[in-house]
N, C-alpha and C. Protein backbone atom coordinates (compact mmCIF):
# COMPACT_ATOMS: atom_id res chain seq x y z
N MET A 1 -11.57 -22.65 2.85
CA MET A 1 -11.24 -21.41 2.14
C MET A 1 -10.75 -21.78 0.76
N GLU A 2 -11.18 -21.00 -0.20
CA GLU A 2 -10.73 -21.19 -1.58
C GLU A 2 -9.94 -19.96 -1.99
N PHE A 3 -8.88 -20.20 -2.77
CA PHE A 3 -8.01 -19.11 -3.20
C PHE A 3 -8.06 -18.96 -4.71
N GLU A 4 -7.99 -17.70 -5.13
CA GLU A 4 -7.89 -17.34 -6.54
C GLU A 4 -6.72 -16.38 -6.69
N VAL A 5 -6.09 -16.43 -7.85
CA VAL A 5 -5.03 -15.48 -8.18
C VAL A 5 -5.49 -14.73 -9.43
N LYS A 6 -5.52 -13.39 -9.32
CA LYS A 6 -6.02 -12.58 -10.43
C LYS A 6 -5.11 -11.39 -10.69
N LYS A 7 -5.07 -11.00 -11.96
CA LYS A 7 -4.44 -9.73 -12.33
C LYS A 7 -5.40 -8.61 -11.94
N PHE A 8 -4.87 -7.41 -11.83
CA PHE A 8 -5.70 -6.25 -11.48
C PHE A 8 -6.88 -6.11 -12.43
N THR A 9 -6.63 -6.27 -13.73
CA THR A 9 -7.69 -6.09 -14.73
C THR A 9 -8.74 -7.21 -14.69
N GLU A 10 -8.46 -8.29 -13.99
CA GLU A 10 -9.41 -9.39 -13.87
C GLU A 10 -10.32 -9.25 -12.64
N LEU A 11 -10.00 -8.31 -11.75
CA LEU A 11 -10.82 -8.11 -10.57
C LEU A 11 -12.13 -7.44 -10.95
N SER A 12 -13.24 -7.94 -10.41
CA SER A 12 -14.51 -7.24 -10.61
C SER A 12 -14.51 -6.00 -9.71
N ILE A 13 -15.40 -5.10 -9.98
CA ILE A 13 -15.54 -3.90 -9.15
C ILE A 13 -15.87 -4.31 -7.71
N GLU A 14 -16.74 -5.31 -7.56
CA GLU A 14 -17.12 -5.78 -6.24
C GLU A 14 -15.93 -6.39 -5.50
N GLU A 15 -15.10 -7.16 -6.21
CA GLU A 15 -13.92 -7.75 -5.58
C GLU A 15 -12.93 -6.67 -5.16
N LEU A 16 -12.68 -5.71 -6.04
CA LEU A 16 -11.75 -4.64 -5.72
C LEU A 16 -12.24 -3.86 -4.50
N TYR A 17 -13.52 -3.56 -4.46
CA TYR A 17 -14.08 -2.83 -3.32
C TYR A 17 -13.91 -3.63 -2.04
N ALA A 18 -14.20 -4.94 -2.08
CA ALA A 18 -14.08 -5.79 -0.89
C ALA A 18 -12.63 -5.89 -0.42
N ILE A 19 -11.69 -5.97 -1.36
CA ILE A 19 -10.26 -6.02 -1.02
C ILE A 19 -9.84 -4.71 -0.34
N LEU A 20 -10.20 -3.59 -0.94
CA LEU A 20 -9.82 -2.29 -0.37
C LEU A 20 -10.48 -2.07 0.98
N GLN A 21 -11.71 -2.54 1.13
CA GLN A 21 -12.40 -2.42 2.41
C GLN A 21 -11.69 -3.24 3.47
N LEU A 22 -11.29 -4.48 3.14
CA LEU A 22 -10.59 -5.35 4.09
C LEU A 22 -9.25 -4.75 4.48
N ARG A 23 -8.50 -4.26 3.51
CA ARG A 23 -7.21 -3.63 3.82
C ARG A 23 -7.40 -2.42 4.72
N SER A 24 -8.39 -1.59 4.44
CA SER A 24 -8.66 -0.42 5.25
C SER A 24 -9.10 -0.82 6.66
N GLU A 25 -9.97 -1.81 6.75
CA GLU A 25 -10.47 -2.29 8.05
C GLU A 25 -9.33 -2.71 8.97
N VAL A 26 -8.35 -3.42 8.42
CA VAL A 26 -7.26 -3.95 9.24
C VAL A 26 -6.12 -2.95 9.38
N PHE A 27 -5.59 -2.46 8.26
CA PHE A 27 -4.38 -1.64 8.33
C PHE A 27 -4.63 -0.22 8.83
N VAL A 28 -5.77 0.36 8.49
CA VAL A 28 -6.04 1.74 8.89
C VAL A 28 -6.81 1.80 10.21
N VAL A 29 -7.93 1.06 10.31
CA VAL A 29 -8.78 1.16 11.49
C VAL A 29 -8.22 0.33 12.64
N GLU A 30 -8.07 -0.99 12.43
CA GLU A 30 -7.62 -1.87 13.52
C GLU A 30 -6.22 -1.50 14.02
N GLN A 31 -5.29 -1.26 13.09
CA GLN A 31 -3.92 -0.96 13.49
C GLN A 31 -3.69 0.54 13.71
N ASP A 32 -4.74 1.32 13.54
CA ASP A 32 -4.69 2.76 13.78
C ASP A 32 -3.50 3.40 13.07
N CYS A 33 -3.39 3.12 11.78
CA CYS A 33 -2.25 3.60 11.00
C CYS A 33 -2.76 4.38 9.79
N VAL A 34 -2.49 5.65 9.78
CA VAL A 34 -2.88 6.47 8.65
C VAL A 34 -1.75 6.41 7.62
N TYR A 35 -2.03 5.85 6.47
CA TYR A 35 -1.03 5.73 5.41
C TYR A 35 -1.74 5.67 4.07
N GLN A 36 -0.99 5.84 3.00
CA GLN A 36 -1.55 5.84 1.65
C GLN A 36 -1.58 4.42 1.11
N ASP A 37 -2.69 3.72 1.31
CA ASP A 37 -2.83 2.34 0.84
C ASP A 37 -2.89 2.27 -0.68
N LEU A 38 -3.57 3.21 -1.30
CA LEU A 38 -3.70 3.22 -2.76
C LEU A 38 -2.42 3.83 -3.34
N ASP A 39 -1.51 2.97 -3.75
CA ASP A 39 -0.15 3.39 -4.10
C ASP A 39 0.23 3.12 -5.56
N PHE A 40 -0.72 2.78 -6.38
CA PHE A 40 -0.51 2.46 -7.80
C PHE A 40 0.35 1.23 -8.01
N LYS A 41 0.54 0.41 -6.97
CA LYS A 41 1.25 -0.86 -7.12
C LYS A 41 0.28 -2.00 -7.38
N ASP A 42 -0.99 -1.81 -7.07
CA ASP A 42 -1.98 -2.86 -7.30
C ASP A 42 -2.06 -3.25 -8.77
N GLN A 43 -1.85 -2.28 -9.65
CA GLN A 43 -1.94 -2.55 -11.08
C GLN A 43 -0.83 -3.50 -11.55
N LYS A 44 0.33 -3.49 -10.90
CA LYS A 44 1.45 -4.38 -11.25
C LYS A 44 1.32 -5.75 -10.60
N ALA A 45 0.62 -5.82 -9.50
CA ALA A 45 0.58 -7.03 -8.66
C ALA A 45 -0.35 -8.09 -9.21
N LEU A 46 -0.11 -9.31 -8.74
CA LEU A 46 -1.12 -10.36 -8.83
C LEU A 46 -1.78 -10.41 -7.46
N HIS A 47 -3.07 -10.66 -7.44
CA HIS A 47 -3.85 -10.59 -6.22
C HIS A 47 -4.28 -11.99 -5.81
N VAL A 48 -3.87 -12.39 -4.60
CA VAL A 48 -4.23 -13.69 -4.05
C VAL A 48 -5.40 -13.45 -3.10
N ILE A 49 -6.53 -14.02 -3.46
CA ILE A 49 -7.79 -13.73 -2.78
C ILE A 49 -8.30 -15.00 -2.11
N GLY A 50 -8.52 -14.91 -0.79
CA GLY A 50 -9.09 -16.03 -0.05
C GLY A 50 -10.55 -15.76 0.24
N LYS A 51 -11.39 -16.68 -0.23
CA LYS A 51 -12.84 -16.51 -0.04
C LYS A 51 -13.39 -17.63 0.83
N LYS A 52 -14.32 -17.24 1.68
CA LYS A 52 -15.06 -18.18 2.53
C LYS A 52 -16.53 -17.86 2.31
N LYS A 53 -17.26 -18.81 1.77
CA LYS A 53 -18.69 -18.59 1.45
C LYS A 53 -18.86 -17.34 0.58
N GLU A 54 -18.02 -17.21 -0.43
CA GLU A 54 -18.06 -16.11 -1.41
C GLU A 54 -17.61 -14.76 -0.87
N ALA A 55 -17.31 -14.66 0.42
CA ALA A 55 -16.85 -13.40 0.99
C ALA A 55 -15.32 -13.40 1.05
N ILE A 56 -14.71 -12.28 0.68
CA ILE A 56 -13.26 -12.15 0.75
C ILE A 56 -12.87 -11.92 2.21
N VAL A 57 -12.09 -12.87 2.76
CA VAL A 57 -11.68 -12.78 4.16
C VAL A 57 -10.16 -12.80 4.32
N ALA A 58 -9.44 -13.04 3.22
CA ALA A 58 -7.97 -13.06 3.26
C ALA A 58 -7.44 -12.58 1.93
N TYR A 59 -6.26 -11.95 1.98
CA TYR A 59 -5.74 -11.33 0.76
C TYR A 59 -4.25 -11.06 0.89
N THR A 60 -3.53 -11.21 -0.22
CA THR A 60 -2.18 -10.66 -0.39
C THR A 60 -2.07 -10.15 -1.83
N ARG A 61 -1.05 -9.35 -2.03
CA ARG A 61 -0.67 -9.03 -3.41
C ARG A 61 0.77 -9.50 -3.56
N ILE A 62 1.07 -10.06 -4.73
CA ILE A 62 2.41 -10.58 -4.99
C ILE A 62 3.01 -9.88 -6.20
N PHE A 63 4.34 -9.78 -6.17
CA PHE A 63 5.06 -9.09 -7.23
C PHE A 63 6.17 -9.98 -7.78
N LYS A 64 6.41 -9.85 -9.07
CA LYS A 64 7.51 -10.58 -9.68
C LYS A 64 8.84 -9.94 -9.25
N PRO A 65 9.94 -10.68 -9.39
CA PRO A 65 11.24 -10.10 -9.03
C PRO A 65 11.48 -8.78 -9.76
N GLY A 66 11.96 -7.80 -9.00
CA GLY A 66 12.29 -6.50 -9.58
C GLY A 66 11.18 -5.47 -9.52
N ASP A 67 9.94 -5.90 -9.29
CA ASP A 67 8.83 -4.93 -9.23
C ASP A 67 8.81 -4.16 -7.91
N TYR A 68 9.20 -4.80 -6.84
CA TYR A 68 9.15 -4.17 -5.52
C TYR A 68 10.47 -4.35 -4.80
N PHE A 69 10.92 -5.60 -4.71
CA PHE A 69 12.23 -5.95 -4.19
C PHE A 69 12.99 -6.66 -5.31
N GLU A 70 14.27 -6.97 -5.07
CA GLU A 70 15.04 -7.71 -6.06
C GLU A 70 14.43 -9.09 -6.30
N ALA A 71 13.99 -9.74 -5.22
CA ALA A 71 13.32 -11.04 -5.33
C ALA A 71 11.82 -10.81 -5.50
N ALA A 72 11.09 -11.88 -5.80
CA ALA A 72 9.63 -11.80 -5.78
C ALA A 72 9.20 -11.40 -4.37
N SER A 73 8.01 -10.85 -4.24
CA SER A 73 7.60 -10.40 -2.92
C SER A 73 6.11 -10.56 -2.69
N ILE A 74 5.78 -10.57 -1.40
CA ILE A 74 4.39 -10.66 -0.93
C ILE A 74 4.14 -9.45 -0.06
N GLY A 75 3.01 -8.79 -0.27
CA GLY A 75 2.67 -7.64 0.55
C GLY A 75 1.19 -7.58 0.84
N ARG A 76 0.82 -6.62 1.69
CA ARG A 76 -0.57 -6.40 2.09
C ARG A 76 -1.22 -7.69 2.60
N VAL A 77 -0.48 -8.43 3.42
CA VAL A 77 -0.98 -9.70 3.96
C VAL A 77 -2.06 -9.37 5.00
N VAL A 78 -3.27 -9.84 4.75
CA VAL A 78 -4.38 -9.49 5.63
C VAL A 78 -5.41 -10.61 5.71
N VAL A 79 -5.85 -10.85 6.93
CA VAL A 79 -6.95 -11.80 7.20
C VAL A 79 -7.95 -11.07 8.09
N LYS A 80 -9.20 -11.19 7.75
CA LYS A 80 -10.27 -10.55 8.53
C LYS A 80 -10.16 -11.01 9.99
N ASP A 81 -10.31 -10.07 10.90
CA ASP A 81 -10.12 -10.32 12.33
C ASP A 81 -10.86 -11.58 12.81
N LYS A 82 -12.12 -11.73 12.49
CA LYS A 82 -12.93 -12.85 12.97
C LYS A 82 -12.51 -14.19 12.38
N GLU A 83 -11.68 -14.18 11.35
CA GLU A 83 -11.27 -15.41 10.67
C GLU A 83 -9.86 -15.88 11.06
N ARG A 84 -9.13 -15.10 11.82
CA ARG A 84 -7.74 -15.43 12.15
C ARG A 84 -7.60 -16.68 12.98
N LYS A 85 -8.58 -16.96 13.83
CA LYS A 85 -8.50 -18.12 14.73
C LYS A 85 -8.51 -19.46 14.00
N TYR A 86 -8.83 -19.46 12.72
CA TYR A 86 -8.89 -20.69 11.95
C TYR A 86 -7.58 -21.04 11.24
N GLY A 87 -6.54 -20.23 11.43
CA GLY A 87 -5.25 -20.50 10.80
C GLY A 87 -5.19 -20.10 9.34
N PHE A 88 -6.10 -19.23 8.91
CA PHE A 88 -6.14 -18.84 7.50
C PHE A 88 -4.89 -18.06 7.08
N GLY A 89 -4.18 -17.44 8.03
CA GLY A 89 -2.95 -16.74 7.69
C GLY A 89 -1.93 -17.69 7.07
N TYR A 90 -1.83 -18.90 7.62
CA TYR A 90 -0.91 -19.91 7.07
C TYR A 90 -1.37 -20.34 5.68
N ASP A 91 -2.67 -20.58 5.54
CA ASP A 91 -3.20 -20.97 4.24
C ASP A 91 -2.96 -19.88 3.20
N LEU A 92 -3.18 -18.64 3.60
CA LEU A 92 -2.99 -17.50 2.70
C LEU A 92 -1.53 -17.38 2.25
N MET A 93 -0.62 -17.46 3.20
CA MET A 93 0.80 -17.35 2.86
C MET A 93 1.25 -18.52 1.99
N ASN A 94 0.81 -19.72 2.31
CA ASN A 94 1.18 -20.87 1.48
C ASN A 94 0.62 -20.75 0.08
N ALA A 95 -0.59 -20.25 -0.06
CA ALA A 95 -1.18 -20.02 -1.39
C ALA A 95 -0.39 -18.95 -2.14
N SER A 96 0.07 -17.92 -1.43
CA SER A 96 0.83 -16.83 -2.05
C SER A 96 2.20 -17.33 -2.51
N ILE A 97 2.86 -18.12 -1.67
CA ILE A 97 4.17 -18.69 -2.03
C ILE A 97 4.02 -19.62 -3.24
N LYS A 98 2.99 -20.43 -3.23
CA LYS A 98 2.72 -21.33 -4.36
C LYS A 98 2.46 -20.53 -5.65
N ALA A 99 1.72 -19.44 -5.54
CA ALA A 99 1.44 -18.60 -6.70
C ALA A 99 2.72 -17.98 -7.24
N ILE A 100 3.62 -17.55 -6.36
CA ILE A 100 4.90 -17.00 -6.80
C ILE A 100 5.70 -18.06 -7.54
N GLN A 101 5.72 -19.27 -6.99
CA GLN A 101 6.47 -20.34 -7.64
C GLN A 101 5.91 -20.67 -9.01
N SER A 102 4.59 -20.73 -9.13
CA SER A 102 4.00 -21.10 -10.42
C SER A 102 3.96 -19.94 -11.41
N GLU A 103 3.70 -18.73 -10.95
CA GLU A 103 3.58 -17.57 -11.85
C GLU A 103 4.93 -16.98 -12.24
N PHE A 104 5.89 -16.99 -11.30
CA PHE A 104 7.16 -16.31 -11.53
C PHE A 104 8.35 -17.26 -11.59
N ASN A 105 8.10 -18.56 -11.39
CA ASN A 105 9.13 -19.59 -11.49
C ASN A 105 10.34 -19.28 -10.61
N THR A 106 10.08 -18.94 -9.35
CA THR A 106 11.15 -18.65 -8.40
C THR A 106 10.73 -19.11 -7.01
N VAL A 107 11.71 -19.40 -6.17
CA VAL A 107 11.44 -19.76 -4.78
C VAL A 107 11.94 -18.68 -3.83
N LEU A 108 12.62 -17.65 -4.35
CA LEU A 108 13.11 -16.56 -3.53
C LEU A 108 11.99 -15.54 -3.32
N VAL A 109 11.67 -15.28 -2.06
CA VAL A 109 10.57 -14.37 -1.74
C VAL A 109 11.02 -13.43 -0.62
N THR A 110 10.75 -12.15 -0.80
CA THR A 110 11.03 -11.13 0.22
C THR A 110 9.72 -10.56 0.74
N ILE A 111 9.69 -10.29 2.04
CA ILE A 111 8.55 -9.59 2.62
C ILE A 111 9.07 -8.48 3.54
N SER A 112 8.26 -7.47 3.72
CA SER A 112 8.49 -6.44 4.72
C SER A 112 7.48 -6.74 5.82
N ALA A 113 7.95 -7.42 6.88
CA ALA A 113 7.05 -7.96 7.90
C ALA A 113 6.94 -7.05 9.11
N GLN A 114 5.74 -6.95 9.65
CA GLN A 114 5.59 -6.28 10.93
C GLN A 114 6.30 -7.14 11.98
N VAL A 115 7.10 -6.50 12.82
CA VAL A 115 7.96 -7.21 13.76
C VAL A 115 7.18 -8.18 14.65
N TYR A 116 5.99 -7.80 15.08
CA TYR A 116 5.26 -8.68 16.00
C TYR A 116 4.85 -10.00 15.34
N LEU A 117 4.97 -10.09 14.02
CA LEU A 117 4.62 -11.32 13.29
C LEU A 117 5.84 -12.16 12.91
N THR A 118 7.00 -11.84 13.47
CA THR A 118 8.24 -12.54 13.12
C THR A 118 8.12 -14.05 13.30
N LYS A 119 7.59 -14.50 14.44
CA LYS A 119 7.48 -15.96 14.70
C LYS A 119 6.56 -16.63 13.67
N PHE A 120 5.48 -15.95 13.32
CA PHE A 120 4.57 -16.48 12.31
C PHE A 120 5.31 -16.70 11.00
N TYR A 121 6.05 -15.69 10.54
CA TYR A 121 6.78 -15.82 9.28
C TYR A 121 7.94 -16.81 9.39
N ASN A 122 8.61 -16.87 10.55
CA ASN A 122 9.65 -17.88 10.77
C ASN A 122 9.08 -19.28 10.59
N SER A 123 7.86 -19.50 11.06
CA SER A 123 7.25 -20.83 10.96
C SER A 123 6.97 -21.23 9.51
N LEU A 124 6.95 -20.24 8.62
CA LEU A 124 6.75 -20.50 7.19
C LEU A 124 8.08 -20.59 6.44
N GLY A 125 9.20 -20.45 7.17
CA GLY A 125 10.52 -20.57 6.56
C GLY A 125 11.22 -19.26 6.27
N PHE A 126 10.60 -18.12 6.60
CA PHE A 126 11.24 -16.82 6.36
C PHE A 126 12.28 -16.54 7.44
N LYS A 127 13.36 -15.91 7.03
CA LYS A 127 14.45 -15.52 7.93
C LYS A 127 14.66 -14.02 7.85
N GLN A 128 14.98 -13.41 9.01
CA GLN A 128 15.23 -11.98 9.06
C GLN A 128 16.47 -11.59 8.27
N VAL A 129 16.35 -10.48 7.54
CA VAL A 129 17.47 -9.91 6.79
C VAL A 129 17.59 -8.46 7.24
N GLY A 130 18.71 -8.09 7.78
CA GLY A 130 18.91 -6.69 8.15
C GLY A 130 18.29 -6.31 9.47
N GLU A 131 18.22 -5.01 9.68
CA GLU A 131 17.78 -4.44 10.95
C GLU A 131 16.32 -4.01 10.90
N GLU A 132 15.75 -3.85 12.07
CA GLU A 132 14.38 -3.35 12.21
C GLU A 132 14.31 -1.90 11.71
N TYR A 133 13.19 -1.53 11.11
CA TYR A 133 12.96 -0.17 10.64
C TYR A 133 11.49 0.19 10.82
N LEU A 134 11.20 1.46 10.78
CA LEU A 134 9.82 1.92 10.87
C LEU A 134 9.25 2.12 9.47
N GLU A 135 8.06 1.60 9.27
CA GLU A 135 7.32 1.84 8.03
C GLU A 135 5.92 2.27 8.44
N ASP A 136 5.55 3.47 8.08
CA ASP A 136 4.26 4.04 8.47
C ASP A 136 4.07 4.00 9.98
N GLY A 137 5.16 4.20 10.73
CA GLY A 137 5.10 4.25 12.18
C GLY A 137 5.03 2.90 12.88
N ILE A 138 5.14 1.81 12.11
CA ILE A 138 5.06 0.45 12.67
C ILE A 138 6.41 -0.23 12.47
N PRO A 139 6.97 -0.87 13.52
CA PRO A 139 8.25 -1.59 13.37
C PRO A 139 8.12 -2.76 12.37
N HIS A 140 9.05 -2.80 11.41
CA HIS A 140 9.10 -3.84 10.38
C HIS A 140 10.50 -4.42 10.30
N ILE A 141 10.59 -5.59 9.68
CA ILE A 141 11.89 -6.16 9.29
C ILE A 141 11.73 -6.79 7.91
N GLU A 142 12.81 -6.77 7.17
CA GLU A 142 12.82 -7.48 5.90
C GLU A 142 13.10 -8.95 6.19
N MET A 143 12.36 -9.82 5.52
CA MET A 143 12.54 -11.26 5.69
C MET A 143 12.60 -11.93 4.33
N MET A 144 13.36 -13.03 4.25
CA MET A 144 13.53 -13.77 2.99
C MET A 144 13.17 -15.22 3.16
N LEU A 145 12.61 -15.79 2.11
CA LEU A 145 12.36 -17.21 1.99
C LEU A 145 13.14 -17.69 0.78
N ASN A 146 13.95 -18.73 0.96
CA ASN A 146 14.67 -19.30 -0.20
C ASN A 146 14.88 -20.77 -0.06
């Protein structure tokens, strides 16, 4: 898998469509969650894109400190269902953390994690902060990496 980091204005129409399709496929269809994915935050974010044979199969968006949380943050973490068995989630998160360090010169990272993925994020060094809460009907927790 190869990763690229792009600003919103650097995304091609085809890339943007593939990213939105992947997010919809996983967050709306697979997780059966009706929510407003297009939230006008994509324009502020940097987009970490994982490609396999030119197809986008993994994605996150990252924010500088203060744009979403007080610390830098990672959101919309998604890997295509058929590609998860290869451990691309770890590669994607490590690429996102590296991009935050190089682009924003910080090691403090906040995420709003789905509770069922707590062990996955713990394995990457994230620790739970605060109590569980519902976001779009799905249990989440805030987690920090420092």
